[in-house]
Amino acid sequence: MNKSKLEMEFKDAEGKKFSLSIDEPREDITEEEIRTAMDDIVAKNIFYTTGGDIVAPVGARVITTTVEELEI
C-alpha cells in the first residue's frame, strides 16, 4: 500500500523553519496549486509559531512511502 504526504515549508519572523503536512494529497495536484495555497497561508496569517508569524513560503515536496503489512 502506498501512502503520500504533502509537506510545505515556511519561514517565520525569526527565520526559523515551520512545516505543515497534509496526508494523502490529490495525485494530480500541481506545483501552481501548492504555491497558491502556500501564498494564501502567508497572506491570511493563519498560523503563529514560537518564532512569530509565518512570513514566506520556502519549499514543498510530496513524500510517497510503501507500507507492507506483515501477518505475524
PDB file of N, CA and C in Angstrom:
ATOM      1  N   MET A   1       0.844  -1.166   0.000  1.00  0.00           N
ATOM      2  CA  MET A   1       0.000   0.000   0.000  1.00  0.00           C
ATOM      3  C   MET A   1       0.893   1.234   0.000  1.00  0.00           C
ATOM      4  N   ASN A   2       0.611   2.165  -0.895  1.00  0.00           N
ATOM      5  CA  ASN A   2       1.354   3.416  -0.956  1.00  0.00           C
ATOM      6  C   ASN A   2       0.630   4.494  -0.172  1.00  0.00           C
ATOM      7  N   LYS A   3       1.400   5.288   0.535  1.00  0.00           N
ATOM      8  CA  LYS A   3       0.858   6.441   1.255  1.00  0.00           C
ATOM      9  C   LYS A   3       1.639   7.657   0.803  1.00  0.00           C
ATOM     10  N   SER A   4       0.970   8.798   0.773  1.00  0.00           N
ATOM     11  CA  SER A   4       1.669  10.018   0.385  1.00  0.00           C
ATOM     12  C   SER A   4       1.338  11.147   1.356  1.00  0.00           C
ATOM     13  N   LYS A   5       2.228  12.122   1.352  1.00  0.00           N
ATOM     14  CA  LYS A   5       2.085  13.269   2.248  1.00  0.00           C
ATOM     15  C   LYS A   5       2.666  14.476   1.530  1.00  0.00           C
ATOM     16  N   LEU A   6       1.963  15.587   1.611  1.00  0.00           N
ATOM     17  CA  LEU A   6       2.458  16.857   1.090  1.00  0.00           C
ATOM     18  C   LEU A   6       3.053  17.618   2.260  1.00  0.00           C
ATOM     19  N   GLU A   7       4.320  17.979   2.153  1.00  0.00           N
ATOM     20  CA  GLU A   7       4.981  18.779   3.177  1.00  0.00           C
ATOM     21  C   GLU A   7       5.258  20.157   2.607  1.00  0.00           C
ATOM     22  N   MET A   8       4.773  21.178   3.302  1.00  0.00           N
ATOM     23  CA  MET A   8       5.021  22.552   2.895  1.00  0.00           C
ATOM     24  C   MET A   8       5.893  23.201   3.960  1.00  0.00           C
ATOM     25  N   GLU A   9       6.949  23.880   3.529  1.00  0.00           N
ATOM     26  CA  GLU A   9       7.870  24.527   4.455  1.00  0.00           C
ATOM     27  C   GLU A   9       7.781  26.038   4.315  1.00  0.00           C
ATOM     28  N   PHE A  10       7.752  26.687   5.464  1.00  0.00           N
ATOM     29  CA  PHE A  10       7.664  28.139   5.521  1.00  0.00           C
ATOM     30  C   PHE A  10       8.777  28.688   6.413  1.00  0.00           C
ATOM     31  N   LYS A  11       8.988  29.992   6.326  1.00  0.00           N
ATOM     32  CA  LYS A  11       9.909  30.677   7.217  1.00  0.00           C
ATOM     33  C   LYS A  11       9.081  31.598   8.101  1.00  0.00           C
ATOM     34  N   ASP A  12       9.408  31.629   9.417  1.00  0.00           N
ATOM     35  CA  ASP A  12       8.687  32.521  10.322  1.00  0.00           C
ATOM     36  C   ASP A  12       9.466  33.825  10.500  1.00  0.00           C
ATOM     37  N   ALA A  13       8.929  34.726  11.323  1.00  0.00           N
ATOM     38  CA  ALA A  13       9.510  36.051  11.502  1.00  0.00           C
ATOM     39  C   ALA A  13      10.935  35.997  12.034  1.00  0.00           C
ATOM     40  N   GLU A  14      11.302  34.959  12.764  1.00  0.00           N
ATOM     41  CA  GLU A  14      12.666  34.825  13.282  1.00  0.00           C
ATOM     42  C   GLU A  14      13.581  34.067  12.318  1.00  0.00           C
ATOM     43  N   GLY A  15      13.067  33.696  11.163  1.00  0.00           N
ATOM     44  CA  GLY A  15      13.869  32.979  10.176  1.00  0.00           C
ATOM     45  C   GLY A  15      13.909  31.481  10.393  1.00  0.00           C
ATOM     46  N   LYS A  16      13.108  30.986  11.326  1.00  0.00           N
ATOM     47  CA  LYS A  16      13.066  29.549  11.595  1.00  0.00           C
ATOM     48  C   LYS A  16      12.107  28.863  10.633  1.00  0.00           C
ATOM     49  N   LYS A  17      12.354  27.560  10.429  1.00  0.00           N
ATOM     50  CA  LYS A  17      11.525  26.768   9.523  1.00  0.00           C
ATOM     51  C   LYS A  17      10.275  26.276  10.246  1.00  0.00           C
ATOM     52  N   PHE A  18       9.152  26.331   9.555  1.00  0.00           N
ATOM     53  CA  PHE A  18       7.870  25.809  10.030  1.00  0.00           C
ATOM     54  C   PHE A  18       7.336  24.897   8.937  1.00  0.00           C
ATOM     55  N   SER A  19       6.975  23.673   9.295  1.00  0.00           N
ATOM     56  CA  SER A  19       6.458  22.711   8.311  1.00  0.00           C
ATOM     57  C   SER A  19       5.003  22.392   8.582  1.00  0.00           C
ATOM     58  N   LEU A  20       4.276  22.226   7.515  1.00  0.00           N
ATOM     59  CA  LEU A  20       2.873  21.847   7.573  1.00  0.00           C
ATOM     60  C   LEU A  20       2.707  20.641   6.663  1.00  0.00           C
ATOM     61  N   SER A  21       2.123  19.553   7.191  1.00  0.00           N
ATOM     62  CA  SER A  21       1.953  18.320   6.419  1.00  0.00           C
ATOM     63  C   SER A  21       0.480  18.010   6.208  1.00  0.00           C
ATOM     64  N   ILE A  22       0.181  17.522   5.021  1.00  0.00           N
ATOM     65  CA  ILE A  22      -1.184  17.111   4.685  1.00  0.00           C
ATOM     66  C   ILE A  22      -1.100  15.688   4.137  1.00  0.00           C
ATOM     67  N   ASP A  23      -1.809  14.772   4.786  1.00  0.00           N
ATOM     68  CA  ASP A  23      -1.828  13.379   4.341  1.00  0.00           C
ATOM     69  C   ASP A  23      -2.673  13.218   3.091  1.00  0.00           C
ATOM     70  N   GLU A  24      -2.216  12.333   2.233  1.00  0.00           N
ATOM     71  CA  GLU A  24      -2.932  11.910   1.027  1.00  0.00           C
ATOM     72  C   GLU A  24      -3.426  13.070   0.158  1.00  0.00           C
ATOM     73  N   PRO A  25      -2.509  13.895  -0.352  1.00  0.00           N
ATOM     74  CA  PRO A  25      -2.946  14.952  -1.277  1.00  0.00           C
ATOM     75  C   PRO A  25      -3.415  14.327  -2.597  1.00  0.00           C
ATOM     76  N   ARG A  26      -4.166  15.071  -3.356  1.00  0.00           N
ATOM     77  CA  ARG A  26      -4.603  14.586  -4.673  1.00  0.00           C
ATOM     78  C   ARG A  26      -3.396  14.188  -5.495  1.00  0.00           C
ATOM     79  N   GLU A  27      -3.523  13.131  -6.244  1.00  0.00           N
ATOM     80  CA  GLU A  27      -2.415  12.667  -7.080  1.00  0.00           C
ATOM     81  C   GLU A  27      -2.096  13.644  -8.200  1.00  0.00           C
ATOM     82  N   ASP A  28      -3.098  14.403  -8.642  1.00  0.00           N
ATOM     83  CA  ASP A  28      -2.888  15.320  -9.767  1.00  0.00           C
ATOM     84  C   ASP A  28      -2.648  16.762  -9.328  1.00  0.00           C
ATOM     85  N   ILE A  29      -2.299  16.977  -8.052  1.00  0.00           N
ATOM     86  CA  ILE A  29      -2.064  18.336  -7.573  1.00  0.00           C
ATOM     87  C   ILE A  29      -0.854  18.931  -8.311  1.00  0.00           C
ATOM     88  N   THR A  30      -0.949  20.208  -8.642  1.00  0.00           N
ATOM     89  CA  THR A  30       0.124  20.853  -9.401  1.00  0.00           C
ATOM     90  C   THR A  30       0.969  21.747  -8.505  1.00  0.00           C
ATOM     91  N   GLU A  31       2.153  22.052  -8.980  1.00  0.00           N
ATOM     92  CA  GLU A  31       3.031  22.964  -8.250  1.00  0.00           C
ATOM     93  C   GLU A  31       2.370  24.328  -8.097  1.00  0.00           C
ATOM     94  N   GLU A  32       1.646  24.760  -9.122  1.00  0.00           N
ATOM     95  CA  GLU A  32       0.963  26.052  -9.081  1.00  0.00           C
ATOM     96  C   GLU A  32      -0.101  26.075  -7.978  1.00  0.00           C
ATOM     97  N   GLU A  33      -0.864  24.989  -7.842  1.00  0.00           N
ATOM     98  CA  GLU A  33      -1.877  24.923  -6.785  1.00  0.00           C
ATOM     99  C   GLU A  33      -1.238  24.967  -5.396  1.00  0.00           C
ATOM    100  N   ILE A  34      -0.133  24.261  -5.240  1.00  0.00           N
ATOM    101  CA  ILE A  34       0.559  24.248  -3.952  1.00  0.00           C
ATOM    102  C   ILE A  34       1.097  25.635  -3.644  1.00  0.00           C
ATOM    103  N   ARG A  35       1.710  26.269  -4.612  1.00  0.00           N
ATOM    104  CA  ARG A  35       2.261  27.622  -4.416  1.00  0.00           C
ATOM    105  C   ARG A  35       1.157  28.606  -4.048  1.00  0.00           C
ATOM    106  N   THR A  36       0.016  28.517  -4.719  1.00  0.00           N
ATOM    107  CA  THR A  36      -1.114  29.397  -4.416  1.00  0.00           C
ATOM    108  C   THR A  36      -1.600  29.180  -2.991  1.00  0.00           C
ATOM    109  N   ALA A  37      -1.714  27.922  -2.583  1.00  0.00           N
ATOM    110  CA  ALA A  37      -2.148  27.616  -1.212  1.00  0.00           C
ATOM    111  C   ALA A  37      -1.150  28.155  -0.190  1.00  0.00           C
ATOM    112  N   MET A  38       0.128  27.997  -0.476  1.00  0.00           N
ATOM    113  CA  MET A  38       1.158  28.477   0.447  1.00  0.00           C
ATOM    114  C   MET A  38       1.132  30.002   0.541  1.00  0.00           C
ATOM    115  N   ASP A  39       0.961  30.674  -0.594  1.00  0.00           N
ATOM    116  CA  ASP A  39       0.859  32.135  -0.592  1.00  0.00           C
ATOM    117  C   ASP A  39      -0.361  32.597   0.200  1.00  0.00           C
ATOM    118  N   ASP A  40      -1.485  31.872   0.073  1.00  0.00           N
ATOM    119  CA  ASP A  40      -2.695  32.198   0.833  1.00  0.00           C
ATOM    120  C   ASP A  40      -2.472  32.043   2.333  1.00  0.00           C
ATOM    121  N   ILE A  41      -1.767  30.988   2.733  1.00  0.00           N
ATOM    122  CA  ILE A  41      -1.485  30.766   4.152  1.00  0.00           C
ATOM    123  C   ILE A  41      -0.680  31.932   4.713  1.00  0.00           C
ATOM    124  N   VAL A  42       0.310  32.390   3.958  1.00  0.00           N
ATOM    125  CA  VAL A  42       1.124  33.528   4.405  1.00  0.00           C
ATOM    126  C   VAL A  42       0.274  34.802   4.432  1.00  0.00           C
ATOM    127  N   ALA A  43      -0.464  35.065   3.363  1.00  0.00           N
ATOM    128  CA  ALA A  43      -1.239  36.306   3.254  1.00  0.00           C
ATOM    129  C   ALA A  43      -2.336  36.416   4.306  1.00  0.00           C
ATOM    130  N   LYS A  44      -2.963  35.298   4.632  1.00  0.00           N
ATOM    131  CA  LYS A  44      -4.072  35.323   5.589  1.00  0.00           C
ATOM    132  C   LYS A  44      -3.610  35.188   7.032  1.00  0.00           C
ATOM    133  N   ASN A  45      -2.291  35.002   7.232  1.00  0.00           N
ATOM    134  CA  ASN A  45      -1.713  34.943   8.571  1.00  0.00           C
ATOM    135  C   ASN A  45      -2.455  33.927   9.446  1.00  0.00           C
ATOM    136  N   ILE A  46      -2.598  32.717   8.926  1.00  0.00           N
ATOM    137  CA  ILE A  46      -3.381  31.670   9.577  1.00  0.00           C
ATOM    138  C   ILE A  46      -2.676  31.075  10.788  1.00  0.00           C
ATOM    139  N   PHE A  47      -1.354  30.911  10.695  1.00  0.00           N
ATOM    140  CA  PHE A  47      -0.609  30.235  11.754  1.00  0.00           C
ATOM    141  C   PHE A  47       0.353  31.190  12.440  1.00  0.00           C
ATOM    142  N   TYR A  48       0.572  30.921  13.723  1.00  0.00           N
ATOM    143  CA  TYR A  48       1.546  31.661  14.513  1.00  0.00           C
ATOM    144  C   TYR A  48       2.464  30.637  15.156  1.00  0.00           C
ATOM    145  N   THR A  49       3.757  30.849  15.073  1.00  0.00           N
ATOM    146  CA  THR A  49       4.717  29.917  15.648  1.00  0.00           C
ATOM    147  C   THR A  49       5.419  30.573  16.832  1.00  0.00           C
ATOM    148  N   THR A  50       6.253  29.820  17.508  1.00  0.00           N
ATOM    149  CA  THR A  50       7.032  30.396  18.610  1.00  0.00           C
ATOM    150  C   THR A  50       7.990  31.457  18.089  1.00  0.00           C
ATOM    151  N   GLY A  51       8.278  31.418  16.797  1.00  0.00           N
ATOM    152  CA  GLY A  51       9.151  32.408  16.179  1.00  0.00           C
ATOM    153  C   GLY A  51       8.395  33.547  15.526  1.00  0.00           C
ATOM    154  N   GLY A  52       7.095  33.619  15.766  1.00  0.00           N
ATOM    155  CA  GLY A  52       6.281  34.695  15.205  1.00  0.00           C
ATOM    156  C   GLY A  52       5.441  34.242  14.029  1.00  0.00           C
ATOM    157  N   ASP A  53       4.975  35.215  13.285  1.00  0.00           N
ATOM    158  CA  ASP A  53       4.123  34.931  12.127  1.00  0.00           C
ATOM    159  C   ASP A  53       4.906  34.215  11.033  1.00  0.00           C
ATOM    160  N   ILE A  54       4.173  33.475  10.203  1.00  0.00           N
ATOM    161  CA  ILE A  54       4.752  32.868   9.005  1.00  0.00           C
ATOM    162  C   ILE A  54       4.908  34.001   7.994  1.00  0.00           C
ATOM    163  N   VAL A  55       6.111  34.148   7.438  1.00  0.00           N
ATOM    164  CA  VAL A  55       6.351  35.292   6.563  1.00  0.00           C
ATOM    165  C   VAL A  55       6.628  34.936   5.108  1.00  0.00           C
ATOM    166  N   ALA A  56       7.025  33.684   4.834  1.00  0.00           N
ATOM    167  CA  ALA A  56       7.345  33.335   3.445  1.00  0.00           C
ATOM    168  C   ALA A  56       7.310  31.830   3.214  1.00  0.00           C
ATOM    169  N   PRO A  57       6.838  31.421   2.027  1.00  0.00           N
ATOM    170  CA  PRO A  57       6.954  30.015   1.661  1.00  0.00           C
ATOM    171  C   PRO A  57       8.403  29.726   1.282  1.00  0.00           C
ATOM    172  N   VAL A  58       8.883  28.531   1.625  1.00  0.00           N
ATOM    173  CA  VAL A  58      10.263  28.155   1.322  1.00  0.00           C
ATOM    174  C   VAL A  58      10.311  27.035   0.289  1.00  0.00           C
ATOM    175  N   GLY A  59       9.498  26.006   0.471  1.00  0.00           N
ATOM    176  CA  GLY A  59       9.512  24.887  -0.461  1.00  0.00           C
ATOM    177  C   GLY A  59       8.430  23.891  -0.120  1.00  0.00           C
ATOM    178  N   ALA A  60       8.268  22.922  -1.000  1.00  0.00           N
ATOM    179  CA  ALA A  60       7.258  21.888  -0.779  1.00  0.00           C
ATOM    180  C   ALA A  60       7.724  20.602  -1.449  1.00  0.00           C
ATOM    181  N   ARG A  61       7.190  19.503  -0.945  1.00  0.00           N
ATOM    182  CA  ARG A  61       7.509  18.206  -1.548  1.00  0.00           C
ATOM    183  C   ARG A  61       6.398  17.222  -1.240  1.00  0.00           C
ATOM    184  N   VAL A  62       6.236  16.264  -2.137  1.00  0.00           N
ATOM    185  CA  VAL A  62       5.317  15.158  -1.916  1.00  0.00           C
ATOM    186  C   VAL A  62       6.178  13.949  -1.588  1.00  0.00           C
ATOM    187  N   ILE A  63       5.894  13.336  -0.450  1.00  0.00           N
ATOM    188  CA  ILE A  63       6.640  12.167   0.005  1.00  0.00           C
ATOM    189  C   ILE A  63       5.744  10.951  -0.150  1.00  0.00           C
ATOM    190  N   THR A  64       6.233   9.934  -0.858  1.00  0.00           N
ATOM    191  CA  THR A  64       5.474   8.706  -1.057  1.00  0.00           C
ATOM    192  C   THR A  64       6.230   7.563  -0.390  1.00  0.00           C
ATOM    193  N   THR A  65       5.511   6.794   0.410  1.00  0.00           N
ATOM    194  CA  THR A  65       6.108   5.635   1.069  1.00  0.00           C
ATOM    195  C   THR A  65       5.288   4.396   0.747  1.00  0.00           C
ATOM    196  N   THR A  66       5.947   3.273   0.762  1.00  0.00           N
ATOM    197  CA  THR A  66       5.278   2.000   0.566  1.00  0.00           C
ATOM    198  C   THR A  66       5.218   1.287   1.908  1.00  0.00           C
ATOM    199  N   VAL A  67       4.015   0.877   2.297  1.00  0.00           N
ATOM    200  CA  VAL A  67       3.810   0.195   3.556  1.00  0.00           C
ATOM    201  C   VAL A  67       3.396  -1.238   3.255  1.00  0.00           C
ATOM    202  N   GLU A  68       4.109  -2.176   3.811  1.00  0.00           N
ATOM    203  CA  GLU A  68       3.789  -3.588   3.622  1.00  0.00           C
ATOM    204  C   GLU A  68       3.376  -4.170   4.979  1.00  0.00           C
ATOM    205  N   GLU A  69       2.128  -4.542   5.071  1.00  0.00           N
ATOM    206  CA  GLU A  69       1.612  -5.152   6.292  1.00  0.00           C
ATOM    207  C   GLU A  69       2.087  -6.597   6.368  1.00  0.00           C
ATOM    208  N   LEU A  70       2.551  -7.005   7.519  1.00  0.00           N
ATOM    209  CA  LEU A  70       3.009  -8.372   7.733  1.00  0.00           C
ATOM    210  C   LEU A  70       2.095  -9.090   8.711  1.00  0.00           C
ATOM    211  N   GLU A  71       1.768 -10.321   8.399  1.00  0.00           N
ATOM    212  CA  GLU A  71       0.963 -11.111   9.314  1.00  0.00           C
ATOM    213  C   GLU A  71       1.899 -11.912  10.207  1.00  0.00           C
ATOM    214  N   ILE A  72       1.749 -11.725  11.506  1.00  0.00           N
ATOM    215  CA  ILE A  72       2.622 -12.436  12.440  1.00  0.00           C
ATOM    216  C   ILE A  72       1.796 -13.236  13.438  1.00  0.00           C
TER     217      ILE A  72
END
